[in-house]
């Protein structure tokens, strides 16, 4: 499930980046033509999206385990 969450988070990030920055590609941290603000904003946005997707997948998995077994996973 972790790989699927990472793939979903990456796809969501790319779409959000296109909408917010108007640029198709997120900046690479070592791209000397990009400004610090742009690189750090992209990293913060990517981290936030990954965290939300990961939390949703973890929570969904726990709910599924509870439905199947009747107990909340540790």
PDB file of N, CA and C in Angstrom:
ATOM      1  N   UNK A   1       0.814  -1.193   0.000  1.00  0.00           N
ATOM      2  CA  UNK A   1       0.000   0.000   0.000  1.00  0.00           C
ATOM      3  C   UNK A   1       0.859   1.260   0.000  1.00  0.00           C
ATOM      4  N   UNK A   2       2.062   1.133   0.543  1.00  0.00           N
ATOM      5  CA  UNK A   2       2.957   2.279   0.581  1.00  0.00           C
ATOM      6  C   UNK A   2       3.384   2.746  -0.799  1.00  0.00           C
ATOM      7  N   UNK A   3       3.646   1.799  -1.688  1.00  0.00           N
ATOM      8  CA  UNK A   3       4.020   2.163  -3.054  1.00  0.00           C
ATOM      9  C   UNK A   3       2.880   2.857  -3.776  1.00  0.00           C
ATOM     10  N   UNK A   4       1.670   2.341  -3.578  1.00  0.00           N
ATOM     11  CA  UNK A   4       0.491   2.954  -4.200  1.00  0.00           C
ATOM     12  C   UNK A   4       0.288   4.366  -3.656  1.00  0.00           C
ATOM     13  N   UNK A   5       0.484   4.547  -2.350  1.00  0.00           N
ATOM     14  CA  UNK A   5       0.334   5.874  -1.748  1.00  0.00           C
ATOM     15  C   UNK A   5       1.361   6.844  -2.331  1.00  0.00           C
ATOM     16  N   UNK A   6       2.580   6.378  -2.507  1.00  0.00           N
ATOM     17  CA  UNK A   6       3.613   7.222  -3.098  1.00  0.00           C
ATOM     18  C   UNK A   6       3.294   7.615  -4.525  1.00  0.00           C
ATOM     19  N   UNK A   7       2.770   6.668  -5.297  1.00  0.00           N
ATOM     20  CA  UNK A   7       2.399   6.954  -6.688  1.00  0.00           C
ATOM     21  C   UNK A   7       1.246   7.951  -6.754  1.00  0.00           C
ATOM     22  N   UNK A   8       0.253   7.760  -5.897  1.00  0.00           N
ATOM     23  CA  UNK A   8      -0.887   8.679  -5.861  1.00  0.00           C
ATOM     24  C   UNK A   8      -0.424  10.066  -5.437  1.00  0.00           C
ATOM     25  N   UNK A   9       0.405  10.130  -4.400  1.00  0.00           N
ATOM     26  CA  UNK A   9       0.900  11.425  -3.921  1.00  0.00           C
ATOM     27  C   UNK A   9       1.697  12.140  -5.012  1.00  0.00           C
ATOM     28  N   UNK A  10       2.509  11.394  -5.738  1.00  0.00           N
ATOM     29  CA  UNK A  10       3.279  11.998  -6.829  1.00  0.00           C
ATOM     30  C   UNK A  10       2.394  12.554  -7.923  1.00  0.00           C
ATOM     31  N   UNK A  11       1.357  11.809  -8.282  1.00  0.00           N
ATOM     32  CA  UNK A  11       0.434  12.268  -9.322  1.00  0.00           C
ATOM     33  C   UNK A  11      -0.343  13.503  -8.857  1.00  0.00           C
ATOM     34  N   UNK A  12      -0.797  13.482  -7.616  1.00  0.00           N
ATOM     35  CA  UNK A  12      -1.520  14.638  -7.075  1.00  0.00           C
ATOM     36  C   UNK A  12      -0.604  15.855  -7.039  1.00  0.00           C
ATOM     37  N   UNK A  13       0.624  15.671  -6.585  1.00  0.00           N
ATOM     38  CA  UNK A  13       1.572  16.784  -6.528  1.00  0.00           C
ATOM     39  C   UNK A  13       1.797  17.390  -7.911  1.00  0.00           C
ATOM     40  N   UNK A  14       2.006  16.560  -8.910  1.00  0.00           N
ATOM     41  CA  UNK A  14       2.242  17.087 -10.265  1.00  0.00           C
ATOM     42  C   UNK A  14       1.059  17.922 -10.751  1.00  0.00           C
ATOM     43  N   UNK A  15      -0.160  17.446 -10.484  1.00  0.00           N
ATOM     44  CA  UNK A  15      -1.343  18.200 -10.909  1.00  0.00           C
ATOM     45  C   UNK A  15      -1.474  19.519 -10.141  1.00  0.00           C
ATOM     46  N   UNK A  16      -1.262  19.480  -8.844  1.00  0.00           N
ATOM     47  CA  UNK A  16      -1.349  20.698  -8.033  1.00  0.00           C
ATOM     48  C   UNK A  16      -0.253  21.677  -8.450  1.00  0.00           C
ATOM     49  N   UNK A  17       0.938  21.178  -8.720  1.00  0.00           N
ATOM     50  CA  UNK A  17       2.029  22.064  -9.134  1.00  0.00           C
ATOM     51  C   UNK A  17       1.684  22.744 -10.449  1.00  0.00           C
ATOM     52  N   UNK A  18       1.116  22.014 -11.386  1.00  0.00           N
ATOM     53  CA  UNK A  18       0.724  22.610 -12.666  1.00  0.00           C
ATOM     54  C   UNK A  18      -0.288  23.730 -12.452  1.00  0.00           C
ATOM     55  N   UNK A  19      -1.255  23.502 -11.568  1.00  0.00           N
ATOM     56  CA  UNK A  19      -2.293  24.501 -11.312  1.00  0.00           C
ATOM     57  C   UNK A  19      -1.745  25.734 -10.594  1.00  0.00           C
ATOM     58  N   UNK A  20      -0.873  25.528  -9.630  1.00  0.00           N
ATOM     59  CA  UNK A  20      -0.401  26.651  -8.827  1.00  0.00           C
ATOM     60  C   UNK A  20       0.748  27.410  -9.477  1.00  0.00           C
ATOM     61  N   UNK A  21       1.673  26.708 -10.080  1.00  0.00           N
ATOM     62  CA  UNK A  21       2.858  27.357 -10.634  1.00  0.00           C
ATOM     63  C   UNK A  21       2.733  27.654 -12.122  1.00  0.00           C
ATOM     64  N   UNK A  22       1.800  27.000 -12.778  1.00  0.00           N
ATOM     65  CA  UNK A  22       1.658  27.194 -14.214  1.00  0.00           C
ATOM     66  C   UNK A  22       2.779  26.562 -15.008  1.00  0.00           C
ATOM     67  N   UNK A  23       3.576  25.775 -14.337  1.00  0.00           N
ATOM     68  CA  UNK A  23       4.723  25.118 -14.966  1.00  0.00           C
ATOM     69  C   UNK A  23       4.500  23.619 -14.899  1.00  0.00           C
ATOM     70  N   UNK A  24       4.838  22.914 -15.949  1.00  0.00           N
ATOM     71  CA  UNK A  24       4.607  21.484 -15.981  1.00  0.00           C
ATOM     72  C   UNK A  24       5.507  20.676 -15.077  1.00  0.00           C
ATOM     73  N   UNK A  25       6.697  21.154 -14.832  1.00  0.00           N
ATOM     74  CA  UNK A  25       7.660  20.394 -14.045  1.00  0.00           C
ATOM     75  C   UNK A  25       7.985  21.113 -12.750  1.00  0.00           C
ATOM     76  N   UNK A  26       8.007  20.352 -11.671  1.00  0.00           N
ATOM     77  CA  UNK A  26       8.439  20.907 -10.394  1.00  0.00           C
ATOM     78  C   UNK A  26       9.944  21.149 -10.462  1.00  0.00           C
ATOM     79  N   UNK A  27      10.432  22.131  -9.731  1.00  0.00           N
ATOM     80  CA  UNK A  27      11.859  22.428  -9.803  1.00  0.00           C
ATOM     81  C   UNK A  27      12.711  21.354  -9.143  1.00  0.00           C
ATOM     82  N   UNK A  28      13.820  21.082  -9.753  1.00  0.00           N
ATOM     83  CA  UNK A  28      14.822  20.201  -9.179  1.00  0.00           C
ATOM     84  C   UNK A  28      15.661  21.047  -8.225  1.00  0.00           C
ATOM     85  N   UNK A  29      15.921  20.574  -7.013  1.00  0.00           N
ATOM     86  CA  UNK A  29      16.681  21.389  -6.053  1.00  0.00           C
ATOM     87  C   UNK A  29      18.054  21.842  -6.551  1.00  0.00           C
ATOM     88  N   UNK A  30      18.630  21.140  -7.503  1.00  0.00           N
ATOM     89  CA  UNK A  30      19.953  21.523  -7.991  1.00  0.00           C
ATOM     90  C   UNK A  30      19.897  22.342  -9.287  1.00  0.00           C
ATOM     91  N   UNK A  31      18.703  22.726  -9.710  1.00  0.00           N
ATOM     92  CA  UNK A  31      18.552  23.540 -10.912  1.00  0.00           C
ATOM     93  C   UNK A  31      18.948  24.976 -10.589  1.00  0.00           C
ATOM     94  N   UNK A  32      20.054  25.437 -11.143  1.00  0.00           N
ATOM     95  CA  UNK A  32      20.549  26.767 -10.792  1.00  0.00           C
ATOM     96  C   UNK A  32      19.693  27.893 -11.363  1.00  0.00           C
ATOM     97  N   UNK A  33      18.798  27.584 -12.294  1.00  0.00           N
ATOM     98  CA  UNK A  33      17.927  28.608 -12.871  1.00  0.00           C
ATOM     99  C   UNK A  33      16.672  28.854 -12.036  1.00  0.00           C
ATOM    100  N   UNK A  34      16.452  28.049 -11.015  1.00  0.00           N
ATOM    101  CA  UNK A  34      15.279  28.213 -10.142  1.00  0.00           C
ATOM    102  C   UNK A  34      15.688  28.930  -8.868  1.00  0.00           C
ATOM    103  N   UNK A  35      14.739  29.721  -8.348  1.00  0.00           N
ATOM    104  CA  UNK A  35      15.010  30.475  -7.118  1.00  0.00           C
ATOM    105  C   UNK A  35      14.754  29.605  -5.896  1.00  0.00           C
ATOM    106  N   UNK A  36      15.368  29.996  -4.782  1.00  0.00           N
ATOM    107  CA  UNK A  36      15.206  29.278  -3.517  1.00  0.00           C
ATOM    108  C   UNK A  36      13.734  29.181  -3.129  1.00  0.00           C
ATOM    109  N   UNK A  37      13.010  30.280  -3.277  1.00  0.00           N
ATOM    110  CA  UNK A  37      11.606  30.316  -2.869  1.00  0.00           C
ATOM    111  C   UNK A  37      10.802  29.259  -3.630  1.00  0.00           C
ATOM    112  N   UNK A  38      11.040  29.151  -4.910  1.00  0.00           N
ATOM    113  CA  UNK A  38      10.316  28.186  -5.734  1.00  0.00           C
ATOM    114  C   UNK A  38      10.663  26.753  -5.343  1.00  0.00           C
ATOM    115  N   UNK A  39      11.922  26.503  -5.116  1.00  0.00           N
ATOM    116  CA  UNK A  39      12.354  25.156  -4.744  1.00  0.00           C
ATOM    117  C   UNK A  39      11.809  24.754  -3.379  1.00  0.00           C
ATOM    118  N   UNK A  40      11.881  25.654  -2.409  1.00  0.00           N
ATOM    119  CA  UNK A  40      11.384  25.339  -1.066  1.00  0.00           C
ATOM    120  C   UNK A  40       9.858  25.228  -1.039  1.00  0.00           C
ATOM    121  N   UNK A  41       9.177  26.053  -1.814  1.00  0.00           N
ATOM    122  CA  UNK A  41       7.715  25.952  -1.886  1.00  0.00           C
ATOM    123  C   UNK A  41       7.297  24.610  -2.480  1.00  0.00           C
ATOM    124  N   UNK A  42       7.984  24.184  -3.520  1.00  0.00           N
ATOM    125  CA  UNK A  42       7.673  22.890  -4.135  1.00  0.00           C
ATOM    126  C   UNK A  42       7.926  21.744  -3.162  1.00  0.00           C
ATOM    127  N   UNK A  43       9.022  21.822  -2.424  1.00  0.00           N
ATOM    128  CA  UNK A  43       9.335  20.772  -1.453  1.00  0.00           C
ATOM    129  C   UNK A  43       8.303  20.728  -0.332  1.00  0.00           C
ATOM    130  N   UNK A  44       7.880  21.892   0.149  1.00  0.00           N
ATOM    131  CA  UNK A  44       6.870  21.940   1.214  1.00  0.00           C
ATOM    132  C   UNK A  44       5.530  21.401   0.724  1.00  0.00           C
ATOM    133  N   UNK A  45       5.142  21.787  -0.473  1.00  0.00           N
ATOM    134  CA  UNK A  45       3.886  21.303  -1.045  1.00  0.00           C
ATOM    135  C   UNK A  45       3.930  19.792  -1.253  1.00  0.00           C
ATOM    136  N   UNK A  46       5.021  19.297  -1.784  1.00  0.00           N
ATOM    137  CA  UNK A  46       5.163  17.856  -2.010  1.00  0.00           C
ATOM    138  C   UNK A  46       5.121  17.098  -0.687  1.00  0.00           C
ATOM    139  N   UNK A  47       5.789  17.601   0.324  1.00  0.00           N
ATOM    140  CA  UNK A  47       5.778  16.953   1.632  1.00  0.00           C
ATOM    141  C   UNK A  47       4.395  16.933   2.256  1.00  0.00           C
ATOM    142  N   UNK A  48       3.679  18.039   2.137  1.00  0.00           N
ATOM    143  CA  UNK A  48       2.325  18.109   2.695  1.00  0.00           C
ATOM    144  C   UNK A  48       1.391  17.127   1.989  1.00  0.00           C
ATOM    145  N   UNK A  49       1.463  17.077   0.676  1.00  0.00           N
ATOM    146  CA  UNK A  49       0.599  16.160  -0.077  1.00  0.00           C
ATOM    147  C   UNK A  49       0.940  14.722   0.270  1.00  0.00           C
ATOM    148  N   UNK A  50       2.221  14.401   0.330  1.00  0.00           N
ATOM    149  CA  UNK A  50       2.618  13.038   0.667  1.00  0.00           C
ATOM    150  C   UNK A  50       2.106  12.655   2.054  1.00  0.00           C
ATOM    151  N   UNK A  51       2.222  13.563   3.011  1.00  0.00           N
ATOM    152  CA  UNK A  51       1.770  13.273   4.376  1.00  0.00           C
ATOM    153  C   UNK A  51       0.269  13.033   4.442  1.00  0.00           C
ATOM    154  N   UNK A  52      -0.498  13.829   3.732  1.00  0.00           N
ATOM    155  CA  UNK A  52      -1.957  13.663   3.732  1.00  0.00           C
ATOM    156  C   UNK A  52      -2.346  12.341   3.084  1.00  0.00           C
ATOM    157  N   UNK A  53      -1.743  12.029   1.943  1.00  0.00           N
ATOM    158  CA  UNK A  53      -2.063  10.766   1.265  1.00  0.00           C
ATOM    159  C   UNK A  53      -1.651   9.587   2.134  1.00  0.00           C
ATOM    160  N   UNK A  54      -0.486   9.654   2.733  1.00  0.00           N
ATOM    161  CA  UNK A  54      -0.007   8.566   3.592  1.00  0.00           C
ATOM    162  C   UNK A  54      -0.926   8.356   4.797  1.00  0.00           C
ATOM    163  N   UNK A  55      -1.369   9.457   5.416  1.00  0.00           N
ATOM    164  CA  UNK A  55      -2.290   9.361   6.549  1.00  0.00           C
ATOM    165  C   UNK A  55      -3.622   8.758   6.122  1.00  0.00           C
ATOM    166  N   UNK A  56      -4.115   9.151   4.955  1.00  0.00           N
ATOM    167  CA  UNK A  56      -5.382   8.604   4.460  1.00  0.00           C
ATOM    168  C   UNK A  56      -5.271   7.111   4.180  1.00  0.00           C
ATOM    169  N   UNK A  57      -4.152   6.679   3.602  1.00  0.00           N
ATOM    170  CA  UNK A  57      -3.942   5.259   3.310  1.00  0.00           C
ATOM    171  C   UNK A  57      -3.792   4.469   4.613  1.00  0.00           C
ATOM    172  N   UNK A  58      -3.021   4.995   5.548  1.00  0.00           N
ATOM    173  CA  UNK A  58      -2.848   4.305   6.837  1.00  0.00           C
ATOM    174  C   UNK A  58      -4.179   4.182   7.570  1.00  0.00           C
ATOM    175  N   UNK A  59      -4.934   5.268   7.607  1.00  0.00           N
ATOM    176  CA  UNK A  59      -6.221   5.248   8.300  1.00  0.00           C
ATOM    177  C   UNK A  59      -7.191   4.301   7.606  1.00  0.00           C
ATOM    178  N   UNK A  60      -7.238   4.345   6.278  1.00  0.00           N
ATOM    179  CA  UNK A  60      -8.099   3.432   5.534  1.00  0.00           C
ATOM    180  C   UNK A  60      -7.736   1.979   5.766  1.00  0.00           C
ATOM    181  N   UNK A  61      -6.445   1.695   5.834  1.00  0.00           N
ATOM    182  CA  UNK A  61      -5.998   0.332   6.117  1.00  0.00           C
ATOM    183  C   UNK A  61      -6.410  -0.118   7.505  1.00  0.00           C
ATOM    184  N   UNK A  62      -6.300   0.766   8.481  1.00  0.00           N
ATOM    185  CA  UNK A  62      -6.697   0.422   9.851  1.00  0.00           C
ATOM    186  C   UNK A  62      -8.205   0.165   9.934  1.00  0.00           C
ATOM    187  N   UNK A  63      -8.981   0.981   9.245  1.00  0.00           N
ATOM    188  CA  UNK A  63     -10.439   0.774   9.222  1.00  0.00           C
ATOM    189  C   UNK A  63     -10.766  -0.566   8.568  1.00  0.00           C
ATOM    190  N   UNK A  64     -10.055  -0.893   7.489  1.00  0.00           N
ATOM    191  CA  UNK A  64     -10.267  -2.179   6.827  1.00  0.00           C
ATOM    192  C   UNK A  64      -9.939  -3.361   7.717  1.00  0.00           C
ATOM    193  N   UNK A  65      -8.837  -3.256   8.447  1.00  0.00           N
ATOM    194  CA  UNK A  65      -8.457  -4.331   9.376  1.00  0.00           C
ATOM    195  C   UNK A  65      -9.516  -4.486  10.459  1.00  0.00           C
ATOM    196  N   UNK A  66     -10.021  -3.371  10.961  1.00  0.00           N
ATOM    197  CA  UNK A  66     -11.059  -3.443  12.002  1.00  0.00           C
ATOM    198  C   UNK A  66     -12.331  -4.089  11.475  1.00  0.00           C
ATOM    199  N   UNK A  67     -12.703  -3.782  10.251  1.00  0.00           N
ATOM    200  CA  UNK A  67     -13.903  -4.389   9.658  1.00  0.00           C
ATOM    201  C   UNK A  67     -13.736  -5.892   9.481  1.00  0.00           C
ATOM    202  N   UNK A  68     -12.548  -6.292   9.111  1.00  0.00           N
ATOM    203  CA  UNK A  68     -12.296  -7.716   8.865  1.00  0.00           C
ATOM    204  C   UNK A  68     -12.131  -8.497  10.162  1.00  0.00           C
ATOM    205  N   UNK A  69     -11.348  -7.936  11.101  1.00  0.00           N
ATOM    206  CA  UNK A  69     -11.008  -8.679  12.322  1.00  0.00           C
ATOM    207  C   UNK A  69     -11.817  -8.268  13.541  1.00  0.00           C
ATOM    208  N   UNK A  70     -12.431  -7.093  13.489  1.00  0.00           N
ATOM    209  CA  UNK A  70     -13.163  -6.597  14.647  1.00  0.00           C
ATOM    210  C   UNK A  70     -12.288  -5.887  15.651  1.00  0.00           C
ATOM    211  N   UNK A  71     -10.988  -5.799  15.386  1.00  0.00           N
ATOM    212  CA  UNK A  71     -10.066  -5.133  16.311  1.00  0.00           C
ATOM    213  C   UNK A  71      -9.249  -4.082  15.571  1.00  0.00           C
ATOM    214  N   UNK A  72      -8.999  -2.997  16.282  1.00  0.00           N
ATOM    215  CA  UNK A  72      -8.154  -1.933  15.719  1.00  0.00           C
ATOM    216  C   UNK A  72      -6.706  -2.395  15.761  1.00  0.00           C
ATOM    217  N   UNK A  73      -5.963  -2.234  14.667  1.00  0.00           N
ATOM    218  CA  UNK A  73      -4.561  -2.678  14.640  1.00  0.00           C
ATOM    219  C   UNK A  73      -3.682  -1.804  15.543  1.00  0.00           C
ATOM    220  N   UNK A  74      -2.631  -2.414  16.056  1.00  0.00           N
ATOM    221  CA  UNK A  74      -1.678  -1.671  16.904  1.00  0.00           C
ATOM    222  C   UNK A  74      -0.638  -0.996  16.076  1.00  0.00           C
TER     223      UNK A  74
END
